[in-house]
């Protein structure tokens, strides 16, 4: 599905896929809390879904260790 990759400081990269609409442009700087896209249904799925990952270099990280607030996901 549609993918957004965000480069952060300290060599961190976050990825967000399966979006029905991307709301940012390539090269755009995004701010904390900014909406970057709308969750969608891509592929052969029955419900909207989001793929999310965080990497440092090539190593995948557990996002729980980096996220300080609980995320709220709304069904649109």
PDB file of N, CA and C in Angstrom:
ATOM      1  N   UNK A   1       0.817  -1.195   0.000  1.00  0.00           N
ATOM      2  CA  UNK A   1       0.000   0.000   0.000  1.00  0.00           C
ATOM      3  C   UNK A   1       0.853   1.248   0.000  1.00  0.00           C
ATOM      4  N   UNK A   2       0.222   2.380   0.080  1.00  0.00           N
ATOM      5  CA  UNK A   2       0.928   3.660   0.084  1.00  0.00           C
ATOM      6  C   UNK A   2       1.820   3.756   1.320  1.00  0.00           C
ATOM      7  N   UNK A   3       3.044   4.193   1.135  1.00  0.00           N
ATOM      8  CA  UNK A   3       4.053   4.188   2.197  1.00  0.00           C
ATOM      9  C   UNK A   3       4.617   5.585   2.423  1.00  0.00           C
ATOM     10  N   UNK A   4       4.761   5.952   3.710  1.00  0.00           N
ATOM     11  CA  UNK A   4       5.461   7.171   4.110  1.00  0.00           C
ATOM     12  C   UNK A   4       6.626   6.738   4.990  1.00  0.00           C
ATOM     13  N   UNK A   5       7.804   7.254   4.693  1.00  0.00           N
ATOM     14  CA  UNK A   5       8.998   6.985   5.494  1.00  0.00           C
ATOM     15  C   UNK A   5       9.481   8.320   6.028  1.00  0.00           C
ATOM     16  N   UNK A   6       9.684   8.389   7.348  1.00  0.00           N
ATOM     17  CA  UNK A   6      10.123   9.627   7.985  1.00  0.00           C
ATOM     18  C   UNK A   6      11.487   9.401   8.617  1.00  0.00           C
ATOM     19  N   UNK A   7      12.449  10.270   8.250  1.00  0.00           N
ATOM     20  CA  UNK A   7      13.782  10.229   8.836  1.00  0.00           C
ATOM     21  C   UNK A   7      13.789  11.133  10.065  1.00  0.00           C
ATOM     22  N   UNK A   8      14.245  10.576  11.187  1.00  0.00           N
ATOM     23  CA  UNK A   8      14.323  11.307  12.452  1.00  0.00           C
ATOM     24  C   UNK A   8      15.790  11.513  12.816  1.00  0.00           C
ATOM     25  N   UNK A   9      16.021  12.254  13.883  1.00  0.00           N
ATOM     26  CA  UNK A   9      17.401  12.411  14.360  1.00  0.00           C
ATOM     27  C   UNK A   9      17.895  11.083  14.925  1.00  0.00           C
ATOM     28  N   UNK A  10      19.155  10.980  15.196  1.00  0.00           N
ATOM     29  CA  UNK A  10      19.796   9.783  15.760  1.00  0.00           C
ATOM     30  C   UNK A  10      19.692   8.569  14.840  1.00  0.00           C
ATOM     31  N   UNK A  11      19.625   8.777  13.512  1.00  0.00           N
ATOM     32  CA  UNK A  11      19.604   7.684  12.535  1.00  0.00           C
ATOM     33  C   UNK A  11      18.358   6.793  12.653  1.00  0.00           C
ATOM     34  N   UNK A  12      17.249   7.347  13.163  1.00  0.00           N
ATOM     35  CA  UNK A  12      15.990   6.602  13.261  1.00  0.00           C
ATOM     36  C   UNK A  12      15.134   6.860  12.031  1.00  0.00           C
ATOM     37  N   UNK A  13      14.414   5.826  11.599  1.00  0.00           N
ATOM     38  CA  UNK A  13      13.498   5.923  10.462  1.00  0.00           C
ATOM     39  C   UNK A  13      12.203   5.233  10.854  1.00  0.00           C
ATOM     40  N   UNK A  14      11.071   5.914  10.678  1.00  0.00           N
ATOM     41  CA  UNK A  14       9.766   5.286  10.927  1.00  0.00           C
ATOM     42  C   UNK A  14       9.044   5.129   9.590  1.00  0.00           C
ATOM     43  N   UNK A  15       8.317   4.015   9.464  1.00  0.00           N
ATOM     44  CA  UNK A  15       7.595   3.699   8.227  1.00  0.00           C
ATOM     45  C   UNK A  15       6.125   3.455   8.532  1.00  0.00           C
ATOM     46  N   UNK A  16       5.263   3.941   7.647  1.00  0.00           N
ATOM     47  CA  UNK A  16       3.809   3.826   7.792  1.00  0.00           C
ATOM     48  C   UNK A  16       3.250   3.405   6.437  1.00  0.00           C
ATOM     49  N   UNK A  17       2.629   2.229   6.363  1.00  0.00           N
ATOM     50  CA  UNK A  17       2.132   1.728   5.077  1.00  0.00           C
ATOM     51  C   UNK A  17       0.650   1.385   5.155  1.00  0.00           C
ATOM     52  N   UNK A  18       0.071   1.088   4.012  1.00  0.00           N
ATOM     53  CA  UNK A  18      -1.343   0.740   3.825  1.00  0.00           C
ATOM     54  C   UNK A  18      -2.251   1.955   3.995  1.00  0.00           C
ATOM     55  N   UNK A  19      -1.779   3.123   3.615  1.00  0.00           N
ATOM     56  CA  UNK A  19      -2.582   4.329   3.737  1.00  0.00           C
ATOM     57  C   UNK A  19      -3.450   4.520   2.502  1.00  0.00           C
ATOM     58  N   UNK A  20      -4.703   4.934   2.743  1.00  0.00           N
ATOM     59  CA  UNK A  20      -5.561   5.201   1.587  1.00  0.00           C
ATOM     60  C   UNK A  20      -5.265   6.570   0.991  1.00  0.00           C
ATOM     61  N   UNK A  21      -4.704   7.463   1.808  1.00  0.00           N
ATOM     62  CA  UNK A  21      -4.353   8.790   1.305  1.00  0.00           C
ATOM     63  C   UNK A  21      -3.150   9.313   2.085  1.00  0.00           C
ATOM     64  N   UNK A  22      -2.144   9.774   1.365  1.00  0.00           N
ATOM     65  CA  UNK A  22      -0.969  10.371   1.988  1.00  0.00           C
ATOM     66  C   UNK A  22      -1.158  11.881   1.989  1.00  0.00           C
ATOM     67  N   UNK A  23      -0.936  12.509   3.149  1.00  0.00           N
ATOM     68  CA  UNK A  23      -1.197  13.937   3.311  1.00  0.00           C
ATOM     69  C   UNK A  23       0.068  14.788   3.358  1.00  0.00           C
ATOM     70  N   UNK A  24       1.225  14.188   3.143  1.00  0.00           N
ATOM     71  CA  UNK A  24       2.485  14.930   3.119  1.00  0.00           C
ATOM     72  C   UNK A  24       3.176  14.692   1.776  1.00  0.00           C
ATOM     73  N   UNK A  25       4.100  15.565   1.454  1.00  0.00           N
ATOM     74  CA  UNK A  25       4.839  15.452   0.184  1.00  0.00           C
ATOM     75  C   UNK A  25       6.273  15.002   0.461  1.00  0.00           C
ATOM     76  N   UNK A  26       6.877  14.370  -0.531  1.00  0.00           N
ATOM     77  CA  UNK A  26       8.261  13.937  -0.430  1.00  0.00           C
ATOM     78  C   UNK A  26       9.148  15.142  -0.101  1.00  0.00           C
ATOM     79  N   UNK A  27      10.005  14.979   0.907  1.00  0.00           N
ATOM     80  CA  UNK A  27      10.919  16.047   1.311  1.00  0.00           C
ATOM     81  C   UNK A  27      10.342  17.027   2.317  1.00  0.00           C
ATOM     82  N   UNK A  28       9.042  16.947   2.579  1.00  0.00           N
ATOM     83  CA  UNK A  28       8.401  17.863   3.527  1.00  0.00           C
ATOM     84  C   UNK A  28       8.851  17.553   4.949  1.00  0.00           C
ATOM     85  N   UNK A  29       9.128  18.593   5.731  1.00  0.00           N
ATOM     86  CA  UNK A  29       9.427  18.402   7.150  1.00  0.00           C
ATOM     87  C   UNK A  29       8.099  18.298   7.883  1.00  0.00           C
ATOM     88  N   UNK A  30       7.974  17.279   8.725  1.00  0.00           N
ATOM     89  CA  UNK A  30       6.742  17.096   9.486  1.00  0.00           C
ATOM     90  C   UNK A  30       6.994  17.401  10.955  1.00  0.00           C
ATOM     91  N   UNK A  31       5.915  17.789  11.637  1.00  0.00           N
ATOM     92  CA  UNK A  31       6.002  18.143  13.048  1.00  0.00           C
ATOM     93  C   UNK A  31       5.350  17.068  13.898  1.00  0.00           C
ATOM     94  N   UNK A  32       5.747  16.980  15.137  1.00  0.00           N
ATOM     95  CA  UNK A  32       5.154  16.053  16.093  1.00  0.00           C
ATOM     96  C   UNK A  32       3.647  16.280  16.139  1.00  0.00           C
ATOM     97  N   UNK A  33       2.881  15.201  15.991  1.00  0.00           N
ATOM     98  CA  UNK A  33       1.427  15.288  16.037  1.00  0.00           C
ATOM     99  C   UNK A  33       0.759  15.567  14.703  1.00  0.00           C
ATOM    100  N   UNK A  34       1.536  15.874  13.674  1.00  0.00           N
ATOM    101  CA  UNK A  34       0.977  16.169  12.352  1.00  0.00           C
ATOM    102  C   UNK A  34       0.399  14.902  11.732  1.00  0.00           C
ATOM    103  N   UNK A  35      -0.770  15.015  11.115  1.00  0.00           N
ATOM    104  CA  UNK A  35      -1.376  13.887  10.412  1.00  0.00           C
ATOM    105  C   UNK A  35      -0.644  13.718   9.082  1.00  0.00           C
ATOM    106  N   UNK A  36      -0.113  12.516   8.851  1.00  0.00           N
ATOM    107  CA  UNK A  36       0.659  12.271   7.628  1.00  0.00           C
ATOM    108  C   UNK A  36      -0.117  11.475   6.600  1.00  0.00           C
ATOM    109  N   UNK A  37      -1.195  10.818   7.029  1.00  0.00           N
ATOM    110  CA  UNK A  37      -1.984  10.024   6.093  1.00  0.00           C
ATOM    111  C   UNK A  37      -3.210   9.445   6.765  1.00  0.00           C
ATOM    112  N   UNK A  38      -4.062   8.810   5.947  1.00  0.00           N
ATOM    113  CA  UNK A  38      -5.284   8.172   6.425  1.00  0.00           C
ATOM    114  C   UNK A  38      -5.159   6.669   6.251  1.00  0.00           C
ATOM    115  N   UNK A  39      -5.490   5.936   7.292  1.00  0.00           N
ATOM    116  CA  UNK A  39      -5.395   4.476   7.260  1.00  0.00           C
ATOM    117  C   UNK A  39      -6.340   3.924   6.207  1.00  0.00           C
ATOM    118  N   UNK A  40      -5.891   2.914   5.490  1.00  0.00           N
ATOM    119  CA  UNK A  40      -6.705   2.354   4.420  1.00  0.00           C
ATOM    120  C   UNK A  40      -6.743   0.837   4.422  1.00  0.00           C
ATOM    121  N   UNK A  41      -7.413   0.316   3.421  1.00  0.00           N
ATOM    122  CA  UNK A  41      -7.507  -1.134   3.210  1.00  0.00           C
ATOM    123  C   UNK A  41      -6.804  -1.437   1.891  1.00  0.00           C
ATOM    124  N   UNK A  42      -5.588  -1.940   1.975  1.00  0.00           N
ATOM    125  CA  UNK A  42      -4.872  -2.299   0.760  1.00  0.00           C
ATOM    126  C   UNK A  42      -4.674  -3.808   0.745  1.00  0.00           C
ATOM    127  N   UNK A  43      -4.626  -4.377  -0.417  1.00  0.00           N
ATOM    128  CA  UNK A  43      -4.490  -5.824  -0.526  1.00  0.00           C
ATOM    129  C   UNK A  43      -5.811  -6.517  -0.240  1.00  0.00           C
ATOM    130  N   UNK A  44      -5.746  -7.758   0.150  1.00  0.00           N
ATOM    131  CA  UNK A  44      -6.939  -8.572   0.388  1.00  0.00           C
ATOM    132  C   UNK A  44      -7.269  -8.607   1.882  1.00  0.00           C
ATOM    133  N   UNK A  45      -7.726  -7.475   2.422  1.00  0.00           N
ATOM    134  CA  UNK A  45      -8.067  -7.389   3.843  1.00  0.00           C
ATOM    135  C   UNK A  45      -9.507  -6.904   3.996  1.00  0.00           C
ATOM    136  N   UNK A  46     -10.112  -7.204   5.134  1.00  0.00           N
ATOM    137  CA  UNK A  46     -11.507  -6.809   5.355  1.00  0.00           C
ATOM    138  C   UNK A  46     -11.638  -5.553   6.203  1.00  0.00           C
ATOM    139  N   UNK A  47     -10.567  -5.149   6.890  1.00  0.00           N
ATOM    140  CA  UNK A  47     -10.605  -3.970   7.756  1.00  0.00           C
ATOM    141  C   UNK A  47      -9.422  -3.066   7.435  1.00  0.00           C
ATOM    142  N   UNK A  48      -9.555  -1.772   7.732  1.00  0.00           N
ATOM    143  CA  UNK A  48      -8.404  -0.874   7.571  1.00  0.00           C
ATOM    144  C   UNK A  48      -7.245  -1.360   8.448  1.00  0.00           C
ATOM    145  N   UNK A  49      -6.040  -1.151   7.975  1.00  0.00           N
ATOM    146  CA  UNK A  49      -4.867  -1.579   8.722  1.00  0.00           C
ATOM    147  C   UNK A  49      -3.739  -0.579   8.532  1.00  0.00           C
ATOM    148  N   UNK A  50      -2.763  -0.625   9.434  1.00  0.00           N
ATOM    149  CA  UNK A  50      -1.588   0.222   9.337  1.00  0.00           C
ATOM    150  C   UNK A  50      -0.359  -0.616   9.636  1.00  0.00           C
ATOM    151  N   UNK A  51       0.621  -0.551   8.761  1.00  0.00           N
ATOM    152  CA  UNK A  51       1.926  -1.148   9.032  1.00  0.00           C
ATOM    153  C   UNK A  51       2.786  -0.032   9.589  1.00  0.00           C
ATOM    154  N   UNK A  52       3.428  -0.284  10.731  1.00  0.00           N
ATOM    155  CA  UNK A  52       4.269   0.714  11.383  1.00  0.00           C
ATOM    156  C   UNK A  52       5.559   0.047  11.835  1.00  0.00           C
ATOM    157  N   UNK A  53       6.674   0.670  11.555  1.00  0.00           N
ATOM    158  CA  UNK A  53       7.944   0.142  12.059  1.00  0.00           C
ATOM    159  C   UNK A  53       8.900   1.287  12.327  1.00  0.00           C
ATOM    160  N   UNK A  54       9.853   1.005  13.223  1.00  0.00           N
ATOM    161  CA  UNK A  54      10.926   1.955  13.525  1.00  0.00           C
ATOM    162  C   UNK A  54      12.240   1.194  13.410  1.00  0.00           C
ATOM    163  N   UNK A  55      13.190   1.814  12.714  1.00  0.00           N
ATOM    164  CA  UNK A  55      14.512   1.206  12.556  1.00  0.00           C
ATOM    165  C   UNK A  55      15.590   2.218  12.913  1.00  0.00           C
ATOM    166  N   UNK A  56      16.680   1.686  13.424  1.00  0.00           N
ATOM    167  CA  UNK A  56      17.890   2.485  13.620  1.00  0.00           C
ATOM    168  C   UNK A  56      18.936   1.832  12.742  1.00  0.00           C
ATOM    169  N   UNK A  57      19.294   2.525  11.666  1.00  0.00           N
ATOM    170  CA  UNK A  57      20.132   1.892  10.651  1.00  0.00           C
ATOM    171  C   UNK A  57      19.330   0.771  10.014  1.00  0.00           C
ATOM    172  N   UNK A  58      19.855  -0.436  10.025  1.00  0.00           N
ATOM    173  CA  UNK A  58      19.145  -1.592   9.469  1.00  0.00           C
ATOM    174  C   UNK A  58      18.437  -2.418  10.537  1.00  0.00           C
ATOM    175  N   UNK A  59      18.587  -2.037  11.803  1.00  0.00           N
ATOM    176  CA  UNK A  59      18.031  -2.815  12.918  1.00  0.00           C
ATOM    177  C   UNK A  59      16.628  -2.337  13.295  1.00  0.00           C
ATOM    178  N   UNK A  60      15.655  -3.269  13.294  1.00  0.00           N
ATOM    179  CA  UNK A  60      14.295  -2.950  13.737  1.00  0.00           C
ATOM    180  C   UNK A  60      14.273  -2.786  15.248  1.00  0.00           C
ATOM    181  N   UNK A  61      13.507  -1.803  15.715  1.00  0.00           N
ATOM    182  CA  UNK A  61      13.391  -1.537  17.148  1.00  0.00           C
ATOM    183  C   UNK A  61      11.969  -1.789  17.615  1.00  0.00           C
ATOM    184  N   UNK A  62      11.825  -2.090  18.896  1.00  0.00           N
ATOM    185  CA  UNK A  62      10.507  -2.220  19.507  1.00  0.00           C
ATOM    186  C   UNK A  62       9.978  -0.806  19.754  1.00  0.00           C
ATOM    187  N   UNK A  63       8.881  -0.414  19.089  1.00  0.00           N
ATOM    188  CA  UNK A  63       8.380   0.966  19.243  1.00  0.00           C
ATOM    189  C   UNK A  63       7.937   1.310  20.660  1.00  0.00           C
ATOM    190  N   UNK A  64       7.574   0.313  21.462  1.00  0.00           N
ATOM    191  CA  UNK A  64       7.144   0.594  22.835  1.00  0.00           C
ATOM    192  C   UNK A  64       8.223   1.304  23.641  1.00  0.00           C
ATOM    193  N   UNK A  65       9.479   1.016  23.316  1.00  0.00           N
ATOM    194  CA  UNK A  65      10.575   1.643  24.059  1.00  0.00           C
ATOM    195  C   UNK A  65      10.774   3.107  23.663  1.00  0.00           C
ATOM    196  N   UNK A  66      10.170   3.541  22.565  1.00  0.00           N
ATOM    197  CA  UNK A  66      10.376   4.898  22.064  1.00  0.00           C
ATOM    198  C   UNK A  66       9.150   5.790  22.169  1.00  0.00           C
ATOM    199  N   UNK A  67       7.976   5.197  22.303  1.00  0.00           N
ATOM    200  CA  UNK A  67       6.744   5.982  22.339  1.00  0.00           C
ATOM    201  C   UNK A  67       6.369   6.247  23.788  1.00  0.00           C
ATOM    202  N   UNK A  68       6.173   7.513  24.126  1.00  0.00           N
ATOM    203  CA  UNK A  68       5.894   7.868  25.513  1.00  0.00           C
ATOM    204  C   UNK A  68       4.407   7.996  25.817  1.00  0.00           C
ATOM    205  N   UNK A  69       3.582   8.254  24.809  1.00  0.00           N
ATOM    206  CA  UNK A  69       2.143   8.383  25.013  1.00  0.00           C
ATOM    207  C   UNK A  69       1.445   7.206  24.376  1.00  0.00           C
ATOM    208  N   UNK A  70       0.283   6.841  24.910  1.00  0.00           N
ATOM    209  CA  UNK A  70      -0.538   5.832  24.248  1.00  0.00           C
ATOM    210  C   UNK A  70      -1.137   6.447  22.996  1.00  0.00           C
ATOM    211  N   UNK A  71      -1.118   5.697  21.915  1.00  0.00           N
ATOM    212  CA  UNK A  71      -1.685   6.185  20.666  1.00  0.00           C
ATOM    213  C   UNK A  71      -3.177   5.901  20.631  1.00  0.00           C
ATOM    214  N   UNK A  72      -3.933   6.827  20.123  1.00  0.00           N
ATOM    215  CA  UNK A  72      -5.362   6.629  19.936  1.00  0.00           C
ATOM    216  C   UNK A  72      -5.623   6.503  18.450  1.00  0.00           C
ATOM    217  N   UNK A  73      -6.230   5.405  18.032  1.00  0.00           N
ATOM    218  CA  UNK A  73      -6.532   5.189  16.632  1.00  0.00           C
ATOM    219  C   UNK A  73      -8.031   5.235  16.460  1.00  0.00           C
ATOM    220  N   UNK A  74      -8.484   6.093  15.569  1.00  0.00           N
ATOM    221  CA  UNK A  74      -9.917   6.239  15.295  1.00  0.00           C
ATOM    222  C   UNK A  74     -10.281   5.474  14.043  1.00  0.00           C
ATOM    223  N   UNK A  75     -11.439   4.865  14.047  1.00  0.00           N
ATOM    224  CA  UNK A  75     -11.987   4.288  12.819  1.00  0.00           C
ATOM    225  C   UNK A  75     -12.683   5.404  12.076  1.00  0.00           C
ATOM    226  N   UNK A  76     -12.258   5.647  10.858  1.00  0.00           N
ATOM    227  CA  UNK A  76     -12.862   6.732  10.059  1.00  0.00           C
ATOM    228  C   UNK A  76     -13.876   6.181   9.105  1.00  0.00           C
TER     229      UNK A  76
END
